[in-house]
Amino acid sequence: MVVQDEPRNYSRLMFEKLKILLDRLKAHQRDLILAMAEHDGMPANSTLRQVAELENVIAAVEAVAGEEAHRERKSD
């Protein structure tokens, strides 16, 4: 089996895609938080869970984006 190297621009392309995903996730989380702020009382547990889950996903995407950026710097 022959292992081929990834194309050199793969990491850069993936890093850009991850940044776009991160922007979408943060925007959705922000929209949920702003919607919760509009109402008196405690937000629904399901909405709180969504915000918390988004926070975890955002952290994971940031970690992968950091790895891709590091990989790109190493290949230069």
PDB file of N, CA and C in Angstrom:
ATOM      1  N   MET A   1       0.840  -1.173   0.000  1.00  0.00           N
ATOM      2  CA  MET A   1       0.000   0.000   0.000  1.00  0.00           C
ATOM      3  C   MET A   1       0.885   1.235   0.000  1.00  0.00           C
ATOM      4  N   VAL A   2       0.587   2.173  -0.873  1.00  0.00           N
ATOM      5  CA  VAL A   2       1.353   3.402  -0.980  1.00  0.00           C
ATOM      6  C   VAL A   2       0.581   4.519  -0.298  1.00  0.00           C
ATOM      7  N   VAL A   3       1.248   5.200   0.611  1.00  0.00           N
ATOM      8  CA  VAL A   3       0.623   6.334   1.292  1.00  0.00           C
ATOM      9  C   VAL A   3       1.074   7.602   0.602  1.00  0.00           C
ATOM     10  N   GLN A   4       0.114   8.356   0.110  1.00  0.00           N
ATOM     11  CA  GLN A   4       0.453   9.608  -0.558  1.00  0.00           C
ATOM     12  C   GLN A   4       0.379  10.750   0.441  1.00  0.00           C
ATOM     13  N   ASP A   5       1.269  11.713   0.252  1.00  0.00           N
ATOM     14  CA  ASP A   5       1.224  12.908   1.080  1.00  0.00           C
ATOM     15  C   ASP A   5      -0.025  13.710   0.734  1.00  0.00           C
ATOM     16  N   GLU A   6      -0.568  14.404   1.753  1.00  0.00           N
ATOM     17  CA  GLU A   6      -1.692  15.286   1.489  1.00  0.00           C
ATOM     18  C   GLU A   6      -1.220  16.436   0.614  1.00  0.00           C
ATOM     19  N   PRO A   7      -2.092  16.948  -0.228  1.00  0.00           N
ATOM     20  CA  PRO A   7      -1.711  18.140  -0.977  1.00  0.00           C
ATOM     21  C   PRO A   7      -1.317  19.239  -0.002  1.00  0.00           C
ATOM     22  N   ARG A   8      -0.347  20.020  -0.381  1.00  0.00           N
ATOM     23  CA  ARG A   8       0.200  21.022   0.516  1.00  0.00           C
ATOM     24  C   ARG A   8      -0.850  22.024   0.986  1.00  0.00           C
ATOM     25  N   ASN A   9      -1.800  22.361   0.144  1.00  0.00           N
ATOM     26  CA  ASN A   9      -2.782  23.368   0.525  1.00  0.00           C
ATOM     27  C   ASN A   9      -3.969  22.771   1.284  1.00  0.00           C
ATOM     28  N   TYR A  10      -3.950  21.476   1.556  1.00  0.00           N
ATOM     29  CA  TYR A  10      -5.064  20.845   2.269  1.00  0.00           C
ATOM     30  C   TYR A  10      -5.282  21.488   3.633  1.00  0.00           C
ATOM     31  N   SER A  11      -4.223  21.646   4.408  1.00  0.00           N
ATOM     32  CA  SER A  11      -4.356  22.209   5.751  1.00  0.00           C
ATOM     33  C   SER A  11      -4.883  23.630   5.695  1.00  0.00           C
ATOM     34  N   ARG A  12      -4.397  24.413   4.751  1.00  0.00           N
ATOM     35  CA  ARG A  12      -4.853  25.795   4.634  1.00  0.00           C
ATOM     36  C   ARG A  12      -6.338  25.820   4.277  1.00  0.00           C
ATOM     37  N   LEU A  13      -6.743  24.979   3.339  1.00  0.00           N
ATOM     38  CA  LEU A  13      -8.141  24.909   2.933  1.00  0.00           C
ATOM     39  C   LEU A  13      -9.017  24.440   4.095  1.00  0.00           C
ATOM     40  N   MET A  14      -8.573  23.412   4.788  1.00  0.00           N
ATOM     41  CA  MET A  14      -9.343  22.900   5.917  1.00  0.00           C
ATOM     42  C   MET A  14      -9.418  23.934   7.033  1.00  0.00           C
ATOM     43  N   PHE A  15      -8.340  24.657   7.280  1.00  0.00           N
ATOM     44  CA  PHE A  15      -8.339  25.695   8.297  1.00  0.00           C
ATOM     45  C   PHE A  15      -9.395  26.755   7.970  1.00  0.00           C
ATOM     46  N   GLU A  16      -9.484  27.145   6.712  1.00  0.00           N
ATOM     47  CA  GLU A  16     -10.491  28.134   6.302  1.00  0.00           C
ATOM     48  C   GLU A  16     -11.905  27.590   6.489  1.00  0.00           C
ATOM     49  N   LYS A  17     -12.110  26.331   6.139  1.00  0.00           N
ATOM     50  CA  LYS A  17     -13.427  25.715   6.338  1.00  0.00           C
ATOM     51  C   LYS A  17     -13.782  25.655   7.816  1.00  0.00           C
ATOM     52  N   LEU A  18     -12.804  25.355   8.650  1.00  0.00           N
ATOM     53  CA  LEU A  18     -13.046  25.300  10.090  1.00  0.00           C
ATOM     54  C   LEU A  18     -13.385  26.684  10.640  1.00  0.00           C
ATOM     55  N   LYS A  19     -12.724  27.716  10.127  1.00  0.00           N
ATOM     56  CA  LYS A  19     -13.038  29.076  10.557  1.00  0.00           C
ATOM     57  C   LYS A  19     -14.476  29.445  10.192  1.00  0.00           C
ATOM     58  N   ILE A  20     -14.910  29.063   9.011  1.00  0.00           N
ATOM     59  CA  ILE A  20     -16.280  29.344   8.573  1.00  0.00           C
ATOM     60  C   ILE A  20     -17.275  28.596   9.462  1.00  0.00           C
ATOM     61  N   LEU A  21     -16.992  27.330   9.743  1.00  0.00           N
ATOM     62  CA  LEU A  21     -17.843  26.548  10.638  1.00  0.00           C
ATOM     63  C   LEU A  21     -17.902  27.195  12.017  1.00  0.00           C
ATOM     64  N   LEU A  22     -16.754  27.613  12.520  1.00  0.00           N
ATOM     65  CA  LEU A  22     -16.682  28.244  13.828  1.00  0.00           C
ATOM     66  C   LEU A  22     -17.534  29.512  13.875  1.00  0.00           C
ATOM     67  N   ASP A  23     -17.460  30.307  12.838  1.00  0.00           N
ATOM     68  CA  ASP A  23     -18.285  31.523  12.776  1.00  0.00           C
ATOM     69  C   ASP A  23     -19.773  31.187  12.819  1.00  0.00           C
ATOM     70  N   ARG A  24     -20.178  30.143  12.100  1.00  0.00           N
ATOM     71  CA  ARG A  24     -21.591  29.740  12.093  1.00  0.00           C
ATOM     72  C   ARG A  24     -22.031  29.257  13.469  1.00  0.00           C
ATOM     73  N   LEU A  25     -21.192  28.451  14.103  1.00  0.00           N
ATOM     74  CA  LEU A  25     -21.535  27.928  15.428  1.00  0.00           C
ATOM     75  C   LEU A  25     -21.657  29.057  16.450  1.00  0.00           C
ATOM     76  N   LYS A  26     -20.704  29.982  16.431  1.00  0.00           N
ATOM     77  CA  LYS A  26     -20.740  31.100  17.378  1.00  0.00           C
ATOM     78  C   LYS A  26     -21.949  31.988  17.131  1.00  0.00           C
ATOM     79  N   ALA A  27     -22.289  32.213  15.880  1.00  0.00           N
ATOM     80  CA  ALA A  27     -23.458  33.038  15.563  1.00  0.00           C
ATOM     81  C   ALA A  27     -24.730  32.381  16.069  1.00  0.00           C
ATOM     82  N   HIS A  28     -24.838  31.075  15.891  1.00  0.00           N
ATOM     83  CA  HIS A  28     -26.037  30.362  16.355  1.00  0.00           C
ATOM     84  C   HIS A  28     -26.120  30.415  17.879  1.00  0.00           C
ATOM     85  N   GLN A  29     -24.996  30.206  18.542  1.00  0.00           N
ATOM     86  CA  GLN A  29     -24.982  30.258  19.998  1.00  0.00           C
ATOM     87  C   GLN A  29     -25.367  31.660  20.479  1.00  0.00           C
ATOM     88  N   ARG A  30     -24.849  32.668  19.838  1.00  0.00           N
ATOM     89  CA  ARG A  30     -25.159  34.055  20.204  1.00  0.00           C
ATOM     90  C   ARG A  30     -26.651  34.333  20.014  1.00  0.00           C
ATOM     91  N   ASP A  31     -27.215  33.863  18.904  1.00  0.00           N
ATOM     92  CA  ASP A  31     -28.647  34.052  18.655  1.00  0.00           C
ATOM     93  C   ASP A  31     -29.491  33.408  19.757  1.00  0.00           C
ATOM     94  N   LEU A  32     -29.094  32.215  20.177  1.00  0.00           N
ATOM     95  CA  LEU A  32     -29.829  31.547  21.254  1.00  0.00           C
ATOM     96  C   LEU A  32     -29.746  32.337  22.551  1.00  0.00           C
ATOM     97  N   ILE A  33     -28.574  32.830  22.876  1.00  0.00           N
ATOM     98  CA  ILE A  33     -28.383  33.586  24.117  1.00  0.00           C
ATOM     99  C   ILE A  33     -29.180  34.887  24.077  1.00  0.00           C
ATOM    100  N   LEU A  34     -29.151  35.573  22.950  1.00  0.00           N
ATOM    101  CA  LEU A  34     -29.911  36.820  22.837  1.00  0.00           C
ATOM    102  C   LEU A  34     -31.409  36.560  22.923  1.00  0.00           C
ATOM    103  N   ALA A  35     -31.864  35.463  22.341  1.00  0.00           N
ATOM    104  CA  ALA A  35     -33.279  35.110  22.425  1.00  0.00           C
ATOM    105  C   ALA A  35     -33.669  34.799  23.868  1.00  0.00           C
ATOM    106  N   MET A  36     -32.787  34.135  24.610  1.00  0.00           N
ATOM    107  CA  MET A  36     -33.075  33.837  26.017  1.00  0.00           C
ATOM    108  C   MET A  36     -33.157  35.128  26.829  1.00  0.00           C
ATOM    109  N   ALA A  37     -32.325  36.096  26.487  1.00  0.00           N
ATOM    110  CA  ALA A  37     -32.297  37.358  27.232  1.00  0.00           C
ATOM    111  C   ALA A  37     -33.578  38.165  27.043  1.00  0.00           C
ATOM    112  N   GLU A  38     -34.280  37.930  25.964  1.00  0.00           N
ATOM    113  CA  GLU A  38     -35.512  38.667  25.667  1.00  0.00           C
ATOM    114  C   GLU A  38     -36.665  38.289  26.599  1.00  0.00           C
ATOM    115  N   HIS A  39     -36.584  37.156  27.240  1.00  0.00           N
ATOM    116  CA  HIS A  39     -37.693  36.658  28.057  1.00  0.00           C
ATOM    117  C   HIS A  39     -37.339  36.718  29.538  1.00  0.00           C
ATOM    118  N   ASP A  40     -38.341  37.031  30.332  1.00  0.00           N
ATOM    119  CA  ASP A  40     -38.156  37.002  31.785  1.00  0.00           C
ATOM    120  C   ASP A  40     -38.146  35.551  32.252  1.00  0.00           C
ATOM    121  N   GLY A  41     -37.523  35.312  33.348  1.00  0.00           N
ATOM    122  CA  GLY A  41     -37.497  33.963  33.903  1.00  0.00           C
ATOM    123  C   GLY A  41     -36.379  33.120  33.317  1.00  0.00           C
ATOM    124  N   MET A  42     -36.363  31.897  33.762  1.00  0.00           N
ATOM    125  CA  MET A  42     -35.325  30.973  33.308  1.00  0.00           C
ATOM    126  C   MET A  42     -35.638  30.447  31.913  1.00  0.00           C
ATOM    127  N   PRO A  43     -34.614  30.329  31.092  1.00  0.00           N
ATOM    128  CA  PRO A  43     -34.818  29.734  29.762  1.00  0.00           C
ATOM    129  C   PRO A  43     -35.132  28.242  29.893  1.00  0.00           C
ATOM    130  N   ALA A  44     -35.685  27.696  28.840  1.00  0.00           N
ATOM    131  CA  ALA A  44     -35.979  26.260  28.815  1.00  0.00           C
ATOM    132  C   ALA A  44     -34.688  25.456  28.952  1.00  0.00           C
ATOM    133  N   ASN A  45     -34.798  24.335  29.628  1.00  0.00           N
ATOM    134  CA  ASN A  45     -33.622  23.470  29.801  1.00  0.00           C
ATOM    135  C   ASN A  45     -33.054  23.032  28.453  1.00  0.00           C
ATOM    136  N   SER A  46     -33.926  22.805  27.490  1.00  0.00           N
ATOM    137  CA  SER A  46     -33.437  22.371  26.178  1.00  0.00           C
ATOM    138  C   SER A  46     -32.584  23.457  25.521  1.00  0.00           C
ATOM    139  N   THR A  47     -32.964  24.711  25.706  1.00  0.00           N
ATOM    140  CA  THR A  47     -32.182  25.811  25.135  1.00  0.00           C
ATOM    141  C   THR A  47     -30.848  25.946  25.864  1.00  0.00           C
ATOM    142  N   LEU A  48     -30.884  25.809  27.179  1.00  0.00           N
ATOM    143  CA  LEU A  48     -29.633  25.845  27.944  1.00  0.00           C
ATOM    144  C   LEU A  48     -28.695  24.724  27.505  1.00  0.00           C
ATOM    145  N   ARG A  49     -29.254  23.544  27.263  1.00  0.00           N
ATOM    146  CA  ARG A  49     -28.443  22.416  26.798  1.00  0.00           C
ATOM    147  C   ARG A  49     -27.835  22.707  25.431  1.00  0.00           C
ATOM    148  N   GLN A  50     -28.628  23.317  24.553  1.00  0.00           N
ATOM    149  CA  GLN A  50     -28.110  23.648  23.222  1.00  0.00           C
ATOM    150  C   GLN A  50     -26.928  24.600  23.326  1.00  0.00           C
ATOM    151  N   VAL A  51     -27.043  25.607  24.182  1.00  0.00           N
ATOM    152  CA  VAL A  51     -25.953  26.568  24.345  1.00  0.00           C
ATOM    153  C   VAL A  51     -24.714  25.863  24.896  1.00  0.00           C
ATOM    154  N   ALA A  52     -24.907  24.995  25.877  1.00  0.00           N
ATOM    155  CA  ALA A  52     -23.777  24.267  26.464  1.00  0.00           C
ATOM    156  C   ALA A  52     -23.140  23.323  25.452  1.00  0.00           C
ATOM    157  N   GLU A  53     -23.963  22.629  24.675  1.00  0.00           N
ATOM    158  CA  GLU A  53     -23.430  21.722  23.657  1.00  0.00           C
ATOM    159  C   GLU A  53     -22.671  22.493  22.583  1.00  0.00           C
ATOM    160  N   LEU A  54     -23.207  23.638  22.198  1.00  0.00           N
ATOM    161  CA  LEU A  54     -22.499  24.467  21.219  1.00  0.00           C
ATOM    162  C   LEU A  54     -21.144  24.911  21.766  1.00  0.00           C
ATOM    163  N   GLU A  55     -21.095  25.234  23.048  1.00  0.00           N
ATOM    164  CA  GLU A  55     -19.822  25.644  23.662  1.00  0.00           C
ATOM    165  C   GLU A  55     -18.791  24.524  23.549  1.00  0.00           C
ATOM    166  N   ASN A  56     -19.223  23.292  23.772  1.00  0.00           N
ATOM    167  CA  ASN A  56     -18.314  22.147  23.643  1.00  0.00           C
ATOM    168  C   ASN A  56     -17.857  21.962  22.200  1.00  0.00           C
ATOM    169  N   VAL A  57     -18.776  22.096  21.268  1.00  0.00           N
ATOM    170  CA  VAL A  57     -18.427  21.930  19.853  1.00  0.00           C
ATOM    171  C   VAL A  57     -17.494  23.052  19.411  1.00  0.00           C
ATOM    172  N   ILE A  58     -17.761  24.269  19.855  1.00  0.00           N
ATOM    173  CA  ILE A  58     -16.901  25.406  19.516  1.00  0.00           C
ATOM    174  C   ILE A  58     -15.486  25.147  20.011  1.00  0.00           C
ATOM    175  N   ALA A  59     -15.351  24.672  21.244  1.00  0.00           N
ATOM    176  CA  ALA A  59     -14.024  24.375  21.791  1.00  0.00           C
ATOM    177  C   ALA A  59     -13.325  23.286  20.966  1.00  0.00           C
ATOM    178  N   ALA A  60     -14.065  22.276  20.556  1.00  0.00           N
ATOM    179  CA  ALA A  60     -13.472  21.199  19.761  1.00  0.00           C
ATOM    180  C   ALA A  60     -13.024  21.708  18.391  1.00  0.00           C
ATOM    181  N   VAL A  61     -13.850  22.517  17.750  1.00  0.00           N
ATOM    182  CA  VAL A  61     -13.491  23.059  16.433  1.00  0.00           C
ATOM    183  C   VAL A  61     -12.273  23.973  16.560  1.00  0.00           C
ATOM    184  N   GLU A  62     -12.227  24.783  17.619  1.00  0.00           N
ATOM    185  CA  GLU A  62     -11.058  25.643  17.836  1.00  0.00           C
ATOM    186  C   GLU A  62      -9.789  24.815  18.004  1.00  0.00           C
ATOM    187  N   ALA A  63      -9.902  23.694  18.712  1.00  0.00           N
ATOM    188  CA  ALA A  63      -8.734  22.824  18.905  1.00  0.00           C
ATOM    189  C   ALA A  63      -8.265  22.230  17.582  1.00  0.00           C
ATOM    190  N   VAL A  64      -9.202  21.756  16.776  1.00  0.00           N
ATOM    191  CA  VAL A  64      -8.831  21.178  15.478  1.00  0.00           C
ATOM    192  C   VAL A  64      -8.259  22.259  14.561  1.00  0.00           C
ATOM    193  N   ALA A  65      -8.844  23.455  14.586  1.00  0.00           N
ATOM    194  CA  ALA A  65      -8.326  24.558  13.771  1.00  0.00           C
ATOM    195  C   ALA A  65      -6.895  24.900  14.189  1.00  0.00           C
ATOM    196  N   GLY A  66      -6.642  24.874  15.480  1.00  0.00           N
ATOM    197  CA  GLY A  66      -5.283  25.116  15.969  1.00  0.00           C
ATOM    198  C   GLY A  66      -4.308  24.051  15.482  1.00  0.00           C
ATOM    199  N   GLU A  67      -4.753  22.806  15.474  1.00  0.00           N
ATOM    200  CA  GLU A  67      -3.908  21.717  14.965  1.00  0.00           C
ATOM    201  C   GLU A  67      -3.624  21.897  13.478  1.00  0.00           C
ATOM    202  N   GLU A  68      -4.640  22.297  12.721  1.00  0.00           N
ATOM    203  CA  GLU A  68      -4.445  22.513  11.285  1.00  0.00           C
ATOM    204  C   GLU A  68      -3.503  23.679  11.028  1.00  0.00           C
ATOM    205  N   ALA A  69      -3.629  24.743  11.818  1.00  0.00           N
ATOM    206  CA  ALA A  69      -2.733  25.891  11.671  1.00  0.00           C
ATOM    207  C   ALA A  69      -1.295  25.476  11.993  1.00  0.00           C
ATOM    208  N   HIS A  70      -1.142  24.670  13.030  1.00  0.00           N
ATOM    209  CA  HIS A  70       0.190  24.183  13.399  1.00  0.00           C
ATOM    210  C   HIS A  70       0.770  23.307  12.283  1.00  0.00           C
ATOM    211  N   ARG A  71      -0.054  22.446  11.724  1.00  0.00           N
ATOM    212  CA  ARG A  71       0.383  21.586  10.626  1.00  0.00           C
ATOM    213  C   ARG A  71       0.823  22.425   9.421  1.00  0.00           C
ATOM    214  N   GLU A  72       0.072  23.477   9.141  1.00  0.00           N
ATOM    215  CA  GLU A  72       0.413  24.357   8.013  1.00  0.00           C
ATOM    216  C   GLU A  72       1.743  25.065   8.264  1.00  0.00           C
ATOM    217  N   ARG A  73       1.961  25.528   9.485  1.00  0.00           N
ATOM    218  CA  ARG A  73       3.238  26.207   9.805  1.00  0.00           C
ATOM    219  C   ARG A  73       4.411  25.241   9.674  1.00  0.00           C
ATOM    220  N   LYS A  74       4.200  23.992  10.078  1.00  0.00           N
ATOM    221  CA  LYS A  74       5.280  23.003   9.979  1.00  0.00           C
ATOM    222  C   LYS A  74       5.624  22.682   8.538  1.00  0.00           C
ATOM    223  N   SER A  75       4.642  22.758   7.645  1.00  0.00           N
ATOM    224  CA  SER A  75       4.887  22.381   6.254  1.00  0.00           C
ATOM    225  C   SER A  75       5.507  23.515   5.445  1.00  0.00           C
ATOM    226  N   ASP A  76       5.519  24.723   5.998  1.00  0.00           N
ATOM    227  CA  ASP A  76       6.123  25.866   5.273  1.00  0.00           C
ATOM    228  C   ASP A  76       7.623  25.842   5.335  1.00  0.00           C
TER     229      ASP A  76
END
